[in-house]
Structure formats: C-alpha cells, structure tokens
Amino acid sequence: MKTIYQQRYQILIDCLIAARKQARMTQTQIAHQLGKPQSYIAKIEGKDRKLDIIEYIEICEALNIQPSEVLKIIEK
C-alpha cells in the first residue's frame, strides 16, 4: 500500500488541516507564505499530492507549529 493511503498519513494531513483552521488561515495564505499556488496546498490537503519531509517542515513553520508535535500525534 502506498504511504499516501496509510492511516498515519491520513492523520498527518488531518492534523495539518486542523492546525491551519485553528490558526484561522486559508490555503491561499499558507501557499503565499511558501511561495506556492493555492492548488499546492489543496492537493496536499486533498491527499492528491504526497508531502515530503522538507515540505512538511515548511508547512509547519508557516503554521507556527512544531513538526515534532504533530509527529507525536501520529506515533500513538
């Protein structure tokens, strides 16, 4: 099974979506901080595009969350 379909990956993306919403940020705002189009975030959140580790860290930084905190959630 591809990683993108595994439960832990699903939880990871769900955590990033929740963090974005808690920060009251739109996909467009996050994308702008990263120098990417809004569709970049939409594809990640829609699980149409696999997130690599560097992109993950950059998104966490844009959301002002610690990457390790999200990883702790998916380790459980």
PDB file of N, CA and C in Angstrom:
ATOM      1  N   MET A   1       0.847  -1.183   0.000  1.00  0.00           N
ATOM      2  CA  MET A   1       0.000   0.000   0.000  1.00  0.00           C
ATOM      3  C   MET A   1       0.891   1.244   0.000  1.00  0.00           C
ATOM      4  N   LYS A   2       0.527   2.202  -0.848  1.00  0.00           N
ATOM      5  CA  LYS A   2       1.280   3.441  -0.904  1.00  0.00           C
ATOM      6  C   LYS A   2       1.086   4.232   0.386  1.00  0.00           C
ATOM      7  N   THR A   3       2.122   4.932   0.764  1.00  0.00           N
ATOM      8  CA  THR A   3       2.113   5.713   2.001  1.00  0.00           C
ATOM      9  C   THR A   3       0.938   6.674   2.073  1.00  0.00           C
ATOM     10  N   ILE A   4       0.608   7.281   0.971  1.00  0.00           N
ATOM     11  CA  ILE A   4      -0.453   8.296   0.956  1.00  0.00           C
ATOM     12  C   ILE A   4      -1.803   7.728   1.406  1.00  0.00           C
ATOM     13  N   TYR A   5      -1.968   6.414   1.319  1.00  0.00           N
ATOM     14  CA  TYR A   5      -3.229   5.779   1.715  1.00  0.00           C
ATOM     15  C   TYR A   5      -3.181   5.172   3.117  1.00  0.00           C
ATOM     16  N   GLN A   6      -2.032   5.237   3.765  1.00  0.00           N
ATOM     17  CA  GLN A   6      -1.916   4.665   5.100  1.00  0.00           C
ATOM     18  C   GLN A   6      -2.575   5.575   6.134  1.00  0.00           C
ATOM     19  N   GLN A   7      -3.069   4.972   7.187  1.00  0.00           N
ATOM     20  CA  GLN A   7      -3.794   5.708   8.218  1.00  0.00           C
ATOM     21  C   GLN A   7      -2.935   6.816   8.840  1.00  0.00           C
ATOM     22  N   ARG A   8      -1.679   6.556   9.067  1.00  0.00           N
ATOM     23  CA  ARG A   8      -0.817   7.579   9.681  1.00  0.00           C
ATOM     24  C   ARG A   8      -0.679   8.807   8.787  1.00  0.00           C
ATOM     25  N   TYR A   9      -0.597   8.585   7.479  1.00  0.00           N
ATOM     26  CA  TYR A   9      -0.503   9.720   6.561  1.00  0.00           C
ATOM     27  C   TYR A   9      -1.803  10.519   6.591  1.00  0.00           C
ATOM     28  N   GLN A  10      -2.921   9.820   6.623  1.00  0.00           N
ATOM     29  CA  GLN A  10      -4.232  10.469   6.693  1.00  0.00           C
ATOM     30  C   GLN A  10      -4.310  11.345   7.954  1.00  0.00           C
ATOM     31  N   ILE A  11      -3.839  10.812   9.078  1.00  0.00           N
ATOM     32  CA  ILE A  11      -3.849  11.554  10.346  1.00  0.00           C
ATOM     33  C   ILE A  11      -2.926  12.773  10.253  1.00  0.00           C
ATOM     34  N   LEU A  12      -1.775  12.607   9.649  1.00  0.00           N
ATOM     35  CA  LEU A  12      -0.830  13.713   9.480  1.00  0.00           C
ATOM     36  C   LEU A  12      -1.486  14.873   8.744  1.00  0.00           C
ATOM     37  N   ILE A  13      -2.108  14.572   7.620  1.00  0.00           N
ATOM     38  CA  ILE A  13      -2.751  15.622   6.831  1.00  0.00           C
ATOM     39  C   ILE A  13      -3.916  16.231   7.596  1.00  0.00           C
ATOM     40  N   ASP A  14      -4.686  15.400   8.270  1.00  0.00           N
ATOM     41  CA  ASP A  14      -5.797  15.920   9.079  1.00  0.00           C
ATOM     42  C   ASP A  14      -5.303  16.866  10.167  1.00  0.00           C
ATOM     43  N   CYS A  15      -4.161  16.554  10.762  1.00  0.00           N
ATOM     44  CA  CYS A  15      -3.574  17.430  11.792  1.00  0.00           C
ATOM     45  C   CYS A  15      -3.149  18.770  11.188  1.00  0.00           C
ATOM     46  N   LEU A  16      -2.580  18.734  10.001  1.00  0.00           N
ATOM     47  CA  LEU A  16      -2.160  19.979   9.347  1.00  0.00           C
ATOM     48  C   LEU A  16      -3.369  20.831   8.975  1.00  0.00           C
ATOM     49  N   ILE A  17      -4.425  20.188   8.519  1.00  0.00           N
ATOM     50  CA  ILE A  17      -5.654  20.925   8.194  1.00  0.00           C
ATOM     51  C   ILE A  17      -6.224  21.564   9.459  1.00  0.00           C
ATOM     52  N   ALA A  18      -6.283  20.797  10.534  1.00  0.00           N
ATOM     53  CA  ALA A  18      -6.804  21.315  11.805  1.00  0.00           C
ATOM     54  C   ALA A  18      -5.959  22.484  12.304  1.00  0.00           C
ATOM     55  N   ALA A  19      -4.641  22.367  12.184  1.00  0.00           N
ATOM     56  CA  ALA A  19      -3.747  23.447  12.625  1.00  0.00           C
ATOM     57  C   ALA A  19      -3.952  24.696  11.780  1.00  0.00           C
ATOM     58  N   ARG A  20      -4.142  24.517  10.483  1.00  0.00           N
ATOM     59  CA  ARG A  20      -4.386  25.666   9.608  1.00  0.00           C
ATOM     60  C   ARG A  20      -5.692  26.359  10.000  1.00  0.00           C
ATOM     61  N   LYS A  21      -6.721  25.562  10.224  1.00  0.00           N
ATOM     62  CA  LYS A  21      -8.016  26.137  10.596  1.00  0.00           C
ATOM     63  C   LYS A  21      -7.956  26.798  11.971  1.00  0.00           C
ATOM     64  N   GLN A  22      -7.239  26.193  12.894  1.00  0.00           N
ATOM     65  CA  GLN A  22      -7.096  26.779  14.232  1.00  0.00           C
ATOM     66  C   GLN A  22      -6.362  28.117  14.156  1.00  0.00           C
ATOM     67  N   ALA A  23      -5.402  28.196  13.235  1.00  0.00           N
ATOM     68  CA  ALA A  23      -4.661  29.449  13.030  1.00  0.00           C
ATOM     69  C   ALA A  23      -5.477  30.463  12.223  1.00  0.00           C
ATOM     70  N   ARG A  24      -6.674  30.049  11.796  1.00  0.00           N
ATOM     71  CA  ARG A  24      -7.566  30.895  11.004  1.00  0.00           C
ATOM     72  C   ARG A  24      -6.876  31.374   9.732  1.00  0.00           C
ATOM     73  N   MET A  25      -6.201  30.422   9.090  1.00  0.00           N
ATOM     74  CA  MET A  25      -5.509  30.722   7.837  1.00  0.00           C
ATOM     75  C   MET A  25      -6.173  29.957   6.705  1.00  0.00           C
ATOM     76  N   THR A  26      -6.164  30.570   5.540  1.00  0.00           N
ATOM     77  CA  THR A  26      -6.694  29.906   4.351  1.00  0.00           C
ATOM     78  C   THR A  26      -5.572  29.158   3.641  1.00  0.00           C
ATOM     79  N   GLN A  27      -5.974  28.302   2.730  1.00  0.00           N
ATOM     80  CA  GLN A  27      -4.979  27.620   1.906  1.00  0.00           C
ATOM     81  C   GLN A  27      -4.159  28.644   1.130  1.00  0.00           C
ATOM     82  N   THR A  28      -4.802  29.678   0.676  1.00  0.00           N
ATOM     83  CA  THR A  28      -4.126  30.734  -0.086  1.00  0.00           C
ATOM     84  C   THR A  28      -3.064  31.429   0.751  1.00  0.00           C
ATOM     85  N   GLN A  29      -3.375  31.713   2.001  1.00  0.00           N
ATOM     86  CA  GLN A  29      -2.414  32.391   2.876  1.00  0.00           C
ATOM     87  C   GLN A  29      -1.178  31.523   3.131  1.00  0.00           C
ATOM     88  N   ILE A  30      -1.394  30.237   3.387  1.00  0.00           N
ATOM     89  CA  ILE A  30      -0.262  29.325   3.611  1.00  0.00           C
ATOM     90  C   ILE A  30       0.575  29.224   2.341  1.00  0.00           C
ATOM     91  N   ALA A  31      -0.105  29.042   1.224  1.00  0.00           N
ATOM     92  CA  ALA A  31       0.595  28.916  -0.063  1.00  0.00           C
ATOM     93  C   ALA A  31       1.426  30.167  -0.344  1.00  0.00           C
ATOM     94  N   HIS A  32       0.856  31.329  -0.073  1.00  0.00           N
ATOM     95  CA  HIS A  32       1.575  32.586  -0.306  1.00  0.00           C
ATOM     96  C   HIS A  32       2.860  32.646   0.524  1.00  0.00           C
ATOM     97  N   GLN A  33       2.784  32.241   1.787  1.00  0.00           N
ATOM     98  CA  GLN A  33       3.980  32.223   2.647  1.00  0.00           C
ATOM     99  C   GLN A  33       5.054  31.307   2.086  1.00  0.00           C
ATOM    100  N   LEU A  34       4.619  30.238   1.424  1.00  0.00           N
ATOM    101  CA  LEU A  34       5.564  29.262   0.883  1.00  0.00           C
ATOM    102  C   LEU A  34       5.995  29.585  -0.545  1.00  0.00           C
ATOM    103  N   GLY A  35       5.404  30.614  -1.116  1.00  0.00           N
ATOM    104  CA  GLY A  35       5.723  30.964  -2.500  1.00  0.00           C
ATOM    105  C   GLY A  35       5.169  29.961  -3.500  1.00  0.00           C
ATOM    106  N   LYS A  36       4.019  29.404  -3.163  1.00  0.00           N
ATOM    107  CA  LYS A  36       3.380  28.375  -3.992  1.00  0.00           C
ATOM    108  C   LYS A  36       1.963  28.814  -4.334  1.00  0.00           C
ATOM    109  N   PRO A  37       1.364  28.197  -5.366  1.00  0.00           N
ATOM    110  CA  PRO A  37      -0.047  28.492  -5.653  1.00  0.00           C
ATOM    111  C   PRO A  37      -0.960  27.802  -4.645  1.00  0.00           C
ATOM    112  N   GLN A  38      -2.174  28.300  -4.512  1.00  0.00           N
ATOM    113  CA  GLN A  38      -3.151  27.721  -3.587  1.00  0.00           C
ATOM    114  C   GLN A  38      -3.389  26.252  -3.898  1.00  0.00           C
ATOM    115  N   SER A  39      -3.328  25.889  -5.164  1.00  0.00           N
ATOM    116  CA  SER A  39      -3.579  24.498  -5.557  1.00  0.00           C
ATOM    117  C   SER A  39      -2.563  23.531  -4.949  1.00  0.00           C
ATOM    118  N   TYR A  40      -1.381  24.016  -4.638  1.00  0.00           N
ATOM    119  CA  TYR A  40      -0.351  23.195  -3.987  1.00  0.00           C
ATOM    120  C   TYR A  40      -0.864  22.702  -2.635  1.00  0.00           C
ATOM    121  N   ILE A  41      -1.419  23.606  -1.835  1.00  0.00           N
ATOM    122  CA  ILE A  41      -1.958  23.236  -0.525  1.00  0.00           C
ATOM    123  C   ILE A  41      -3.214  22.392  -0.699  1.00  0.00           C
ATOM    124  N   ALA A  42      -4.056  22.751  -1.648  1.00  0.00           N
ATOM    125  CA  ALA A  42      -5.287  21.985  -1.891  1.00  0.00           C
ATOM    126  C   ALA A  42      -4.977  20.532  -2.247  1.00  0.00           C
ATOM    127  N   LYS A  43      -3.961  20.319  -3.059  1.00  0.00           N
ATOM    128  CA  LYS A  43      -3.595  18.954  -3.457  1.00  0.00           C
ATOM    129  C   LYS A  43      -3.033  18.171  -2.279  1.00  0.00           C
ATOM    130  N   ILE A  44      -2.272  18.818  -1.426  1.00  0.00           N
ATOM    131  CA  ILE A  44      -1.747  18.150  -0.230  1.00  0.00           C
ATOM    132  C   ILE A  44      -2.894  17.802   0.708  1.00  0.00           C
ATOM    133  N   GLU A  45      -3.748  18.777   0.990  1.00  0.00           N
ATOM    134  CA  GLU A  45      -4.864  18.543   1.905  1.00  0.00           C
ATOM    135  C   GLU A  45      -5.870  17.545   1.334  1.00  0.00           C
ATOM    136  N   GLY A  46      -6.005  17.504   0.011  1.00  0.00           N
ATOM    137  CA  GLY A  46      -6.910  16.563  -0.635  1.00  0.00           C
ATOM    138  C   GLY A  46      -6.287  15.188  -0.828  1.00  0.00           C
ATOM    139  N   LYS A  47      -5.052  15.054  -0.374  1.00  0.00           N
ATOM    140  CA  LYS A  47      -4.284  13.809  -0.475  1.00  0.00           C
ATOM    141  C   LYS A  47      -4.079  13.374  -1.926  1.00  0.00           C
ATOM    142  N   ASP A  48      -3.985  14.388  -2.799  1.00  0.00           N
ATOM    143  CA  ASP A  48      -3.692  14.141  -4.208  1.00  0.00           C
ATOM    144  C   ASP A  48      -2.204  14.289  -4.498  1.00  0.00           C
ATOM    145  N   ARG A  49      -1.482  14.850  -3.542  1.00  0.00           N
ATOM    146  CA  ARG A  49      -0.045  15.072  -3.693  1.00  0.00           C
ATOM    147  C   ARG A  49       0.632  14.645  -2.409  1.00  0.00           C
ATOM    148  N   LYS A  50       1.671  13.837  -2.547  1.00  0.00           N
ATOM    149  CA  LYS A  50       2.398  13.345  -1.381  1.00  0.00           C
ATOM    150  C   LYS A  50       3.336  14.428  -0.857  1.00  0.00           C
ATOM    151  N   LEU A  51       3.304  14.601   0.436  1.00  0.00           N
ATOM    152  CA  LEU A  51       4.108  15.600   1.115  1.00  0.00           C
ATOM    153  C   LEU A  51       5.460  15.003   1.485  1.00  0.00           C
ATOM    154  N   ASP A  52       6.554  15.678   1.111  1.00  0.00           N
ATOM    155  CA  ASP A  52       7.857  15.175   1.552  1.00  0.00           C
ATOM    156  C   ASP A  52       8.252  15.872   2.855  1.00  0.00           C
ATOM    157  N   ILE A  53       9.303  15.408   3.467  1.00  0.00           N
ATOM    158  CA  ILE A  53       9.675  15.865   4.806  1.00  0.00           C
ATOM    159  C   ILE A  53      10.017  17.362   4.848  1.00  0.00           C
ATOM    160  N   ILE A  54      10.704  17.864   3.838  1.00  0.00           N
ATOM    161  CA  ILE A  54      11.067  19.284   3.814  1.00  0.00           C
ATOM    162  C   ILE A  54       9.815  20.137   3.649  1.00  0.00           C
ATOM    163  N   GLU A  55       8.910  19.723   2.770  1.00  0.00           N
ATOM    164  CA  GLU A  55       7.657  20.451   2.600  1.00  0.00           C
ATOM    165  C   GLU A  55       6.853  20.435   3.899  1.00  0.00           C
ATOM    166  N   TYR A  56       6.853  19.288   4.571  1.00  0.00           N
ATOM    167  CA  TYR A  56       6.155  19.158   5.846  1.00  0.00           C
ATOM    168  C   TYR A  56       6.687  20.181   6.858  1.00  0.00           C
ATOM    169  N   ILE A  57       7.987  20.263   6.974  1.00  0.00           N
ATOM    170  CA  ILE A  57       8.610  21.204   7.908  1.00  0.00           C
ATOM    171  C   ILE A  57       8.257  22.646   7.527  1.00  0.00           C
ATOM    172  N   GLU A  58       8.298  22.958   6.245  1.00  0.00           N
ATOM    173  CA  GLU A  58       7.976  24.312   5.795  1.00  0.00           C
ATOM    174  C   GLU A  58       6.524  24.676   6.107  1.00  0.00           C
ATOM    175  N   ILE A  59       5.618  23.738   5.923  1.00  0.00           N
ATOM    176  CA  ILE A  59       4.208  23.992   6.239  1.00  0.00           C
ATOM    177  C   ILE A  59       4.041  24.197   7.745  1.00  0.00           C
ATOM    178  N   CYS A  60       4.703  23.374   8.531  1.00  0.00           N
ATOM    179  CA  CYS A  60       4.641  23.542   9.988  1.00  0.00           C
ATOM    180  C   CYS A  60       5.161  24.916  10.396  1.00  0.00           C
ATOM    181  N   GLU A  61       6.252  25.347   9.794  1.00  0.00           N
ATOM    182  CA  GLU A  61       6.801  26.673  10.108  1.00  0.00           C
ATOM    183  C   GLU A  61       5.804  27.769   9.741  1.00  0.00           C
ATOM    184  N   ALA A  62       5.158  27.626   8.591  1.00  0.00           N
ATOM    185  CA  ALA A  62       4.171  28.621   8.166  1.00  0.00           C
ATOM    186  C   ALA A  62       2.983  28.669   9.126  1.00  0.00           C
ATOM    187  N   LEU A  63       2.683  27.527   9.751  1.00  0.00           N
ATOM    188  CA  LEU A  63       1.577  27.442  10.705  1.00  0.00           C
ATOM    189  C   LEU A  63       2.018  27.745  12.145  1.00  0.00           C
ATOM    190  N   ASN A  64       3.305  27.984  12.335  1.00  0.00           N
ATOM    191  CA  ASN A  64       3.874  28.224  13.663  1.00  0.00           C
ATOM    192  C   ASN A  64       3.624  27.068  14.624  1.00  0.00           C
ATOM    193  N   ILE A  65       3.794  25.841  14.111  1.00  0.00           N
ATOM    194  CA  ILE A  65       3.697  24.650  14.954  1.00  0.00           C
ATOM    195  C   ILE A  65       4.997  23.860  14.834  1.00  0.00           C
ATOM    196  N   GLN A  66       5.284  23.097  15.860  1.00  0.00           N
ATOM    197  CA  GLN A  66       6.491  22.278  15.868  1.00  0.00           C
ATOM    198  C   GLN A  66       6.223  20.975  15.106  1.00  0.00           C
ATOM    199  N   PRO A  67       7.032  20.656  14.103  1.00  0.00           N
ATOM    200  CA  PRO A  67       6.844  19.402  13.379  1.00  0.00           C
ATOM    201  C   PRO A  67       6.823  18.190  14.311  1.00  0.00           C
ATOM    202  N   SER A  68       7.622  18.229  15.344  1.00  0.00           N
ATOM    203  CA  SER A  68       7.703  17.086  16.266  1.00  0.00           C
ATOM    204  C   SER A  68       6.396  16.878  17.022  1.00  0.00           C
ATOM    205  N   GLU A  69       5.643  17.948  17.276  1.00  0.00           N
ATOM    206  CA  GLU A  69       4.377  17.809  17.997  1.00  0.00           C
ATOM    207  C   GLU A  69       3.350  17.049  17.175  1.00  0.00           C
ATOM    208  N   VAL A  70       3.312  17.321  15.890  1.00  0.00           N
ATOM    209  CA  VAL A  70       2.387  16.607  15.005  1.00  0.00           C
ATOM    210  C   VAL A  70       2.816  15.135  14.897  1.00  0.00           C
ATOM    211  N   LEU A  71       4.114  14.911  14.811  1.00  0.00           N
ATOM    212  CA  LEU A  71       4.613  13.541  14.708  1.00  0.00           C
ATOM    213  C   LEU A  71       4.270  12.729  15.952  1.00  0.00           C
ATOM    214  N   LYS A  72       4.274  13.376  17.107  1.00  0.00           N
ATOM    215  CA  LYS A  72       3.890  12.675  18.341  1.00  0.00           C
ATOM    216  C   LYS A  72       2.458  12.158  18.258  1.00  0.00           C
ATOM    217  N   ILE A  73       1.610  12.922  17.616  1.00  0.00           N
ATOM    218  CA  ILE A  73       0.198  12.521  17.476  1.00  0.00           C
ATOM    219  C   ILE A  73       0.091  11.266  16.602  1.00  0.00           C
ATOM    220  N   ILE A  74       0.829  11.215  15.513  1.00  0.00           N
ATOM    221  CA  ILE A  74       0.695  10.061  14.624  1.00  0.00           C
ATOM    222  C   ILE A  74       1.459   8.839  15.114  1.00  0.00           C
ATOM    223  N   GLU A  75       2.331   9.025  16.090  1.00  0.00           N
ATOM    224  CA  GLU A  75       3.046   7.888  16.673  1.00  0.00           C
ATOM    225  C   GLU A  75       2.149   7.065  17.574  1.00  0.00           C
ATOM    226  N   LYS A  76       1.081   7.667  18.083  1.00  0.00           N
ATOM    227  CA  LYS A  76       0.205   6.979  19.044  1.00  0.00           C
ATOM    228  C   LYS A  76      -0.622   5.901  18.403  1.00  0.00           C
TER     229      LYS A  76
END
